[in-house]
Amino acid sequence: MKKIIIAIDGHSSTGKSTIAKQLAKELEYIYVDTGAMYRAVTYYAMNKGFISEDHFDSKGLIAQLNDVKLSFVFNEDKGFGEIYLNGKNIEEAIRTLKVSNFVSAVAAVPEVRKMQVKQQHELGKNKGIVMDGRDIGTVVFPEAELKIFMTASADTRAKRRYDELRAKGEKAQFIEVLKNIQERDYVDSNREDSPLKQAEDAVLIDNSNMDEKEQFAVVKQMAIDKIRQVNS
């Protein structure tokens, strides 16, 4: 049976990664969280002192990009690949609000995007992959057989993110999370290199009033229909 590439793009905190993980597991496809890749580079930049609240030394980061080695190692208990930076598991470390505050700025650097897109192409060259991010269907895999663009209101996304952070024990104010969501939306949509936008042939899903189970049912059926079509 021929396998396909499934690209799931959309705004931050729309549940892309959750749905993509579930879909990959259901189809027995490989799941790649490209957002984690950009968060990993951001985490590296923070630890090296290249970025903080009052400065961003993008040239310093660019000069050390060759030292940033990312990999995914499958975790059988969790059912997906966790991200490693230079051999260290940073899956949890990159999910903080602090990393979220800087990731859009780091992701807007053309050299960073070029490096990541090259890695993403390599990961998806044999198809049978579900990849989520901001520019998968428009830049990374414009030839993807199934493209989905997920969105929801900023308030809805901020509430989801706030609950997620609180569940992890991280102190966060709702207004701070909402501001982060709004700022990331603006930066992601207005950057010169690979801005966030819906591909012309992508299916739009507004999940403001959908729960996780409902979303998955819709996306799963789309994938099954597309795979059948490709193999007919």
C-alpha atoms as a PDB file:
ATOM      1  CA  MET A   1       0.000   0.000   0.000  1.00  0.00           C
ATOM      2  CA  LYS A   2       1.278   3.447  -0.938  1.00  0.00           C
ATOM      3  CA  LYS A   3       1.906   5.741   2.008  1.00  0.00           C
ATOM      4  CA  ILE A   4       1.320   9.483   2.034  1.00  0.00           C
ATOM      5  CA  ILE A   5       2.608  12.658   3.655  1.00  0.00           C
ATOM      6  CA  ILE A   6       0.178  14.359   6.027  1.00  0.00           C
ATOM      7  CA  ALA A   7       0.912  18.015   6.808  1.00  0.00           C
ATOM      8  CA  ILE A   8      -0.851  19.617   9.772  1.00  0.00           C
ATOM      9  CA  ASP A   9      -0.243  23.356  10.076  1.00  0.00           C
ATOM     10  CA  GLY A  10      -1.864  26.040  12.164  1.00  0.00           C
ATOM     11  CA  HIS A  11      -1.616  28.571  14.946  1.00  0.00           C
ATOM     12  CA  SER A  12       0.057  27.837  18.274  1.00  0.00           C
ATOM     13  CA  SER A  13      -1.908  25.858  20.875  1.00  0.00           C
ATOM     14  CA  THR A  14      -4.501  24.528  18.436  1.00  0.00           C
ATOM     15  CA  GLY A  15      -3.760  20.935  19.403  1.00  0.00           C
ATOM     16  CA  LYS A  16      -1.797  20.139  16.239  1.00  0.00           C
ATOM     17  CA  SER A  17       0.771  17.987  17.993  1.00  0.00           C
ATOM     18  CA  THR A  18      -1.790  16.016  19.995  1.00  0.00           C
ATOM     19  CA  ILE A  19      -3.843  15.182  16.906  1.00  0.00           C
ATOM     20  CA  ALA A  20      -0.742  14.472  14.803  1.00  0.00           C
ATOM     21  CA  LYS A  21       0.618  12.039  17.420  1.00  0.00           C
ATOM     22  CA  GLN A  22      -2.691  10.191  17.637  1.00  0.00           C
ATOM     23  CA  LEU A  23      -3.028  10.019  13.857  1.00  0.00           C
ATOM     24  CA  ALA A  24       0.519   8.735  13.349  1.00  0.00           C
ATOM     25  CA  LYS A  25      -0.048   6.037  15.959  1.00  0.00           C
ATOM     26  CA  GLU A  26      -3.368   5.017  14.375  1.00  0.00           C
ATOM     27  CA  LEU A  27      -1.875   4.804  10.870  1.00  0.00           C
ATOM     28  CA  GLU A  28       1.468   3.385  12.072  1.00  0.00           C
ATOM     29  CA  TYR A  29       3.200   6.375  10.480  1.00  0.00           C
ATOM     30  CA  ILE A  30       6.199   8.344  11.736  1.00  0.00           C
ATOM     31  CA  TYR A  31       5.341  11.497  13.701  1.00  0.00           C
ATOM     32  CA  VAL A  32       7.570  14.572  13.511  1.00  0.00           C
ATOM     33  CA  ASP A  33       6.919  17.578  15.752  1.00  0.00           C
ATOM     34  CA  THR A  34       8.638  20.424  13.882  1.00  0.00           C
ATOM     35  CA  GLY A  35       7.596  22.857  16.596  1.00  0.00           C
ATOM     36  CA  ALA A  36       9.767  20.864  19.003  1.00  0.00           C
ATOM     37  CA  MET A  37      12.691  21.300  16.612  1.00  0.00           C
ATOM     38  CA  TYR A  38      12.378  25.099  16.729  1.00  0.00           C
ATOM     39  CA  ARG A  39      11.856  24.999  20.485  1.00  0.00           C
ATOM     40  CA  ALA A  40      15.042  22.947  20.796  1.00  0.00           C
ATOM     41  CA  VAL A  41      17.074  25.564  18.931  1.00  0.00           C
ATOM     42  CA  THR A  42      15.456  28.243  21.105  1.00  0.00           C
ATOM     43  CA  TYR A  43      16.385  26.284  24.238  1.00  0.00           C
ATOM     44  CA  TYR A  44      19.962  26.067  22.950  1.00  0.00           C
ATOM     45  CA  ALA A  45      20.014  29.821  22.263  1.00  0.00           C
ATOM     46  CA  MET A  46      18.716  30.580  25.763  1.00  0.00           C
ATOM     47  CA  ASN A  47      21.310  28.367  27.457  1.00  0.00           C
ATOM     48  CA  LYS A  48      24.111  29.918  25.408  1.00  0.00           C
ATOM     49  CA  GLY A  49      22.956  33.446  26.260  1.00  0.00           C
ATOM     50  CA  PHE A  50      22.048  34.356  22.687  1.00  0.00           C
ATOM     51  CA  ILE A  51      18.504  35.393  23.569  1.00  0.00           C
ATOM     52  CA  SER A  52      16.806  36.958  26.576  1.00  0.00           C
ATOM     53  CA  GLU A  53      14.052  39.469  27.251  1.00  0.00           C
ATOM     54  CA  ASP A  54      16.208  42.420  26.212  1.00  0.00           C
ATOM     55  CA  HIS A  55      18.450  41.092  23.434  1.00  0.00           C
ATOM     56  CA  PHE A  56      18.805  38.562  20.628  1.00  0.00           C
ATOM     57  CA  ASP A  57      22.242  37.811  19.196  1.00  0.00           C
ATOM     58  CA  SER A  58      21.040  36.086  16.036  1.00  0.00           C
ATOM     59  CA  LYS A  59      24.507  36.238  14.454  1.00  0.00           C
ATOM     60  CA  GLY A  60      25.993  34.408  17.433  1.00  0.00           C
ATOM     61  CA  LEU A  61      23.342  31.710  17.149  1.00  0.00           C
ATOM     62  CA  ILE A  62      23.830  31.361  13.391  1.00  0.00           C
ATOM     63  CA  ALA A  63      27.567  30.898  13.923  1.00  0.00           C
ATOM     64  CA  GLN A  64      26.906  27.908  16.194  1.00  0.00           C
ATOM     65  CA  LEU A  65      24.082  26.199  14.285  1.00  0.00           C
ATOM     66  CA  ASN A  66      26.438  23.432  13.168  1.00  0.00           C
ATOM     67  CA  ASP A  67      26.831  22.523  16.853  1.00  0.00           C
ATOM     68  CA  VAL A  68      23.079  21.971  17.232  1.00  0.00           C
ATOM     69  CA  LYS A  69      22.422  18.255  16.707  1.00  0.00           C
ATOM     70  CA  LEU A  70      18.770  17.249  16.961  1.00  0.00           C
ATOM     71  CA  SER A  71      17.316  13.750  16.933  1.00  0.00           C
ATOM     72  CA  PHE A  72      14.094  11.946  17.825  1.00  0.00           C
ATOM     73  CA  VAL A  73      14.192   8.790  19.957  1.00  0.00           C
ATOM     74  CA  PHE A  74      11.021   6.705  20.119  1.00  0.00           C
ATOM     75  CA  ASN A  75       9.576   6.314  23.614  1.00  0.00           C
ATOM     76  CA  GLU A  76       7.498   3.113  23.701  1.00  0.00           C
ATOM     77  CA  ASP A  77       5.646   4.146  26.862  1.00  0.00           C
ATOM     78  CA  LYS A  78       4.543   7.475  25.381  1.00  0.00           C
ATOM     79  CA  GLY A  79       4.116   6.200  21.840  1.00  0.00           C
ATOM     80  CA  PHE A  80       6.053   8.954  20.087  1.00  0.00           C
ATOM     81  CA  GLY A  81       9.574  10.167  19.462  1.00  0.00           C
ATOM     82  CA  GLU A  82      11.034  12.512  22.071  1.00  0.00           C
ATOM     83  CA  ILE A  83      13.443  15.215  20.978  1.00  0.00           C
ATOM     84  CA  TYR A  84      17.112  15.161  21.950  1.00  0.00           C
ATOM     85  CA  LEU A  85      19.596  18.028  21.745  1.00  0.00           C
ATOM     86  CA  ASN A  86      23.205  16.906  21.441  1.00  0.00           C
ATOM     87  CA  GLY A  87      22.316  13.560  23.020  1.00  0.00           C
ATOM     88  CA  LYS A  88      20.221  14.966  25.883  1.00  0.00           C
ATOM     89  CA  ASN A  89      16.463  14.452  26.225  1.00  0.00           C
ATOM     90  CA  ILE A  90      14.872  17.915  26.338  1.00  0.00           C
ATOM     91  CA  GLU A  91      11.244  16.928  25.600  1.00  0.00           C
ATOM     92  CA  GLU A  92       9.952  18.480  28.844  1.00  0.00           C
ATOM     93  CA  ALA A  93      12.479  21.316  29.089  1.00  0.00           C
ATOM     94  CA  ILE A  94      11.317  22.914  25.831  1.00  0.00           C
ATOM     95  CA  ARG A  95       7.625  23.065  26.836  1.00  0.00           C
ATOM     96  CA  THR A  96       7.906  26.031  29.214  1.00  0.00           C
ATOM     97  CA  LEU A  97       6.315  29.457  28.771  1.00  0.00           C
ATOM     98  CA  LYS A  98       9.794  30.995  28.751  1.00  0.00           C
ATOM     99  CA  VAL A  99      10.749  28.998  25.656  1.00  0.00           C
ATOM    100  CA  SER A 100       7.372  29.882  24.122  1.00  0.00           C
ATOM    101  CA  ASN A 101       8.137  33.578  24.578  1.00  0.00           C
ATOM    102  CA  PHE A 102      11.267  33.361  22.395  1.00  0.00           C
ATOM    103  CA  VAL A 103      10.550  30.608  19.864  1.00  0.00           C
ATOM    104  CA  SER A 104       8.877  32.796  17.221  1.00  0.00           C
ATOM    105  CA  ALA A 105      11.878  35.148  17.123  1.00  0.00           C
ATOM    106  CA  VAL A 106      14.303  32.246  16.708  1.00  0.00           C
ATOM    107  CA  ALA A 107      12.088  30.554  14.109  1.00  0.00           C
ATOM    108  CA  ALA A 108      12.032  33.775  12.059  1.00  0.00           C
ATOM    109  CA  VAL A 109      15.806  33.576  11.429  1.00  0.00           C
ATOM    110  CA  PRO A 110      16.214  32.394   7.787  1.00  0.00           C
ATOM    111  CA  GLU A 111      19.334  30.350   8.550  1.00  0.00           C
ATOM    112  CA  VAL A 112      17.518  28.490  11.331  1.00  0.00           C
ATOM    113  CA  ARG A 113      14.567  27.727   9.066  1.00  0.00           C
ATOM    114  CA  LYS A 114      16.859  26.568   6.256  1.00  0.00           C
ATOM    115  CA  MET A 115      18.610  24.118   8.590  1.00  0.00           C
ATOM    116  CA  GLN A 116      15.328  22.779   9.962  1.00  0.00           C
ATOM    117  CA  VAL A 117      13.611  22.416   6.583  1.00  0.00           C
ATOM    118  CA  LYS A 118      16.584  20.397   5.313  1.00  0.00           C
ATOM    119  CA  GLN A 119      16.247  18.002   8.271  1.00  0.00           C
ATOM    120  CA  GLN A 120      12.483  17.792   7.816  1.00  0.00           C
ATOM    121  CA  HIS A 121      12.858  16.905   4.123  1.00  0.00           C
ATOM    122  CA  GLU A 122      15.202  14.087   5.092  1.00  0.00           C
ATOM    123  CA  LEU A 123      12.767  12.751   7.706  1.00  0.00           C
ATOM    124  CA  GLY A 124       9.894  12.640   5.218  1.00  0.00           C
ATOM    125  CA  LYS A 125      11.637  11.411   2.089  1.00  0.00           C
ATOM    126  CA  ASN A 126      10.101   7.918   2.322  1.00  0.00           C
ATOM    127  CA  LYS A 127       6.589   9.205   3.126  1.00  0.00           C
ATOM    128  CA  GLY A 128       4.447   7.464   5.746  1.00  0.00           C
ATOM    129  CA  ILE A 129       4.789  10.539   7.923  1.00  0.00           C
ATOM    130  CA  VAL A 130       2.606  12.961   9.883  1.00  0.00           C
ATOM    131  CA  MET A 131       4.342  16.292  10.367  1.00  0.00           C
ATOM    132  CA  ASP A 132       2.930  19.309  12.183  1.00  0.00           C
ATOM    133  CA  GLY A 133       4.154  22.883  12.254  1.00  0.00           C
ATOM    134  CA  ARG A 134       3.624  26.292  10.657  1.00  0.00           C
ATOM    135  CA  ASP A 135       4.851  25.835   7.073  1.00  0.00           C
ATOM    136  CA  ILE A 136       4.720  22.108   6.341  1.00  0.00           C
ATOM    137  CA  GLY A 137       2.059  22.308   3.637  1.00  0.00           C
ATOM    138  CA  THR A 138       3.376  25.541   2.114  1.00  0.00           C
ATOM    139  CA  VAL A 139       7.173  25.191   2.269  1.00  0.00           C
ATOM    140  CA  VAL A 140       8.450  21.864   3.601  1.00  0.00           C
ATOM    141  CA  PHE A 141       6.099  19.502   1.743  1.00  0.00           C
ATOM    142  CA  PRO A 142       3.931  21.508  -0.672  1.00  0.00           C
ATOM    143  CA  GLU A 143       3.359  18.192  -2.471  1.00  0.00           C
ATOM    144  CA  ALA A 144       1.828  16.544   0.635  1.00  0.00           C
ATOM    145  CA  GLU A 145      -1.207  14.456  -0.274  1.00  0.00           C
ATOM    146  CA  LEU A 146      -3.211  15.674   2.730  1.00  0.00           C
ATOM    147  CA  LYS A 147      -2.906  19.178   4.171  1.00  0.00           C
ATOM    148  CA  ILE A 148      -4.812  20.360   7.209  1.00  0.00           C
ATOM    149  CA  PHE A 149      -4.802  23.857   8.724  1.00  0.00           C
ATOM    150  CA  MET A 150      -5.976  24.089  12.329  1.00  0.00           C
ATOM    151  CA  THR A 151      -7.109  27.236  14.084  1.00  0.00           C
ATOM    152  CA  ALA A 152      -9.179  28.435  17.060  1.00  0.00           C
ATOM    153  CA  SER A 153      -9.851  31.742  18.780  1.00  0.00           C
ATOM    154  CA  ALA A 154      -6.935  33.268  20.709  1.00  0.00           C
ATOM    155  CA  ASP A 155      -8.901  33.073  23.980  1.00  0.00           C
ATOM    156  CA  THR A 156      -9.663  29.383  23.460  1.00  0.00           C
ATOM    157  CA  ARG A 157      -6.033  28.586  22.695  1.00  0.00           C
ATOM    158  CA  ALA A 158      -4.773  30.619  25.649  1.00  0.00           C
ATOM    159  CA  LYS A 159      -7.134  28.769  28.007  1.00  0.00           C
ATOM    160  CA  ARG A 160      -5.889  25.395  26.725  1.00  0.00           C
ATOM    161  CA  ARG A 161      -2.253  26.434  27.090  1.00  0.00           C
ATOM    162  CA  TYR A 162      -2.853  27.935  30.546  1.00  0.00           C
ATOM    163  CA  ASP A 163      -4.496  24.717  31.786  1.00  0.00           C
ATOM    164  CA  GLU A 164      -1.629  22.670  30.334  1.00  0.00           C
ATOM    165  CA  LEU A 165       1.014  24.784  32.088  1.00  0.00           C
ATOM    166  CA  ARG A 166      -0.833  24.713  35.413  1.00  0.00           C
ATOM    167  CA  ALA A 167      -1.185  20.927  35.166  1.00  0.00           C
ATOM    168  CA  LYS A 168       2.605  20.719  34.892  1.00  0.00           C
ATOM    169  CA  GLY A 169       2.975  22.840  38.021  1.00  0.00           C
ATOM    170  CA  GLU A 170       4.310  25.856  36.162  1.00  0.00           C
ATOM    171  CA  LYS A 171       3.238  29.227  37.552  1.00  0.00           C
ATOM    172  CA  ALA A 172       1.530  31.257  34.850  1.00  0.00           C
ATOM    173  CA  GLN A 173      -0.991  34.077  34.575  1.00  0.00           C
ATOM    174  CA  PHE A 174      -3.764  33.724  31.992  1.00  0.00           C
ATOM    175  CA  ILE A 175      -3.193  37.238  30.656  1.00  0.00           C
ATOM    176  CA  GLU A 176       0.507  36.437  30.153  1.00  0.00           C
ATOM    177  CA  VAL A 177      -0.346  33.268  28.221  1.00  0.00           C
ATOM    178  CA  LEU A 178      -2.897  35.140  26.073  1.00  0.00           C
ATOM    179  CA  LYS A 179      -0.348  37.859  25.308  1.00  0.00           C
ATOM    180  CA  ASN A 180       2.185  35.194  24.290  1.00  0.00           C
ATOM    181  CA  ILE A 181      -0.372  33.570  21.957  1.00  0.00           C
ATOM    182  CA  GLN A 182      -1.228  36.910  20.326  1.00  0.00           C
ATOM    183  CA  GLU A 183       2.422  37.908  19.908  1.00  0.00           C
ATOM    184  CA  ARG A 184       3.328  34.537  18.384  1.00  0.00           C
ATOM    185  CA  ASP A 185       0.389  34.797  15.979  1.00  0.00           C
ATOM    186  CA  TYR A 186       1.634  38.188  14.795  1.00  0.00           C
ATOM    187  CA  VAL A 187       5.291  37.185  14.432  1.00  0.00           C
ATOM    188  CA  ASP A 188       4.490  33.829  12.799  1.00  0.00           C
ATOM    189  CA  SER A 189       2.108  35.409  10.282  1.00  0.00           C
ATOM    190  CA  ASN A 190       4.271  38.423   9.415  1.00  0.00           C
ATOM    191  CA  ARG A 191       7.813  37.057   9.191  1.00  0.00           C
ATOM    192  CA  GLU A 192       9.444  37.400   5.763  1.00  0.00           C
ATOM    193  CA  ASP A 193      10.665  33.810   5.553  1.00  0.00           C
ATOM    194  CA  SER A 194       7.947  31.109   5.461  1.00  0.00           C
ATOM    195  CA  PRO A 195       5.122  33.025   7.178  1.00  0.00           C
ATOM    196  CA  LEU A 196       2.256  31.093   8.727  1.00  0.00           C
ATOM    197  CA  LYS A 197      -0.546  30.826   6.187  1.00  0.00           C
ATOM    198  CA  GLN A 198      -3.058  28.277   5.022  1.00  0.00           C
ATOM    199  CA  ALA A 199      -2.074  26.407   1.864  1.00  0.00           C
ATOM    200  CA  GLU A 200      -4.608  26.862  -0.927  1.00  0.00           C
ATOM    201  CA  ASP A 201      -5.399  23.145  -0.964  1.00  0.00           C
ATOM    202  CA  ALA A 202      -5.450  22.675   2.827  1.00  0.00           C
ATOM    203  CA  VAL A 203      -8.618  21.742   4.709  1.00  0.00           C
ATOM    204  CA  LEU A 204      -9.444  24.330   7.391  1.00  0.00           C
ATOM    205  CA  ILE A 205     -10.503  23.043  10.814  1.00  0.00           C
ATOM    206  CA  ASP A 206     -11.638  25.595  13.416  1.00  0.00           C
ATOM    207  CA  ASN A 207     -11.676  23.606  16.645  1.00  0.00           C
ATOM    208  CA  SER A 208     -12.788  26.417  18.975  1.00  0.00           C
ATOM    209  CA  ASN A 209     -15.895  24.391  19.835  1.00  0.00           C
ATOM    210  CA  MET A 210     -14.572  20.870  19.281  1.00  0.00           C
ATOM    211  CA  ASP A 211     -13.108  18.508  21.832  1.00  0.00           C
ATOM    212  CA  GLU A 212     -10.088  16.312  21.174  1.00  0.00           C
ATOM    213  CA  LYS A 213     -12.171  13.234  20.358  1.00  0.00           C
ATOM    214  CA  GLU A 214     -14.253  15.103  17.780  1.00  0.00           C
ATOM    215  CA  GLN A 215     -11.164  16.593  16.121  1.00  0.00           C
ATOM    216  CA  PHE A 216      -9.445  13.240  15.879  1.00  0.00           C
ATOM    217  CA  ALA A 217     -12.486  11.567  14.331  1.00  0.00           C
ATOM    218  CA  VAL A 218     -12.632  14.228  11.599  1.00  0.00           C
ATOM    219  CA  VAL A 219      -8.899  14.147  10.832  1.00  0.00           C
ATOM    220  CA  LYS A 220      -8.714  10.350  10.925  1.00  0.00           C
ATOM    221  CA  GLN A 221     -11.509  10.046   8.367  1.00  0.00           C
ATOM    222  CA  MET A 222      -9.790  12.582   6.106  1.00  0.00           C
ATOM    223  CA  ALA A 223      -6.583  10.548   6.243  1.00  0.00           C
ATOM    224  CA  ILE A 224      -8.329   7.231   5.571  1.00  0.00           C
ATOM    225  CA  ASP A 225     -10.202   8.718   2.604  1.00  0.00           C
ATOM    226  CA  LYS A 226      -7.009  10.193   1.129  1.00  0.00           C
ATOM    227  CA  ILE A 227      -5.029   6.948   1.533  1.00  0.00           C
ATOM    228  CA  ARG A 228      -7.834   5.016  -0.171  1.00  0.00           C
ATOM    229  CA  GLN A 229      -7.877   7.559  -2.996  1.00  0.00           C
ATOM    230  CA  VAL A 230      -4.104   7.311  -3.523  1.00  0.00           C
ATOM    231  CA  ASN A 231      -4.300   3.516  -3.603  1.00  0.00           C
ATOM    232  CA  SER A 232      -7.372   3.195  -5.821  1.00  0.00           C
END
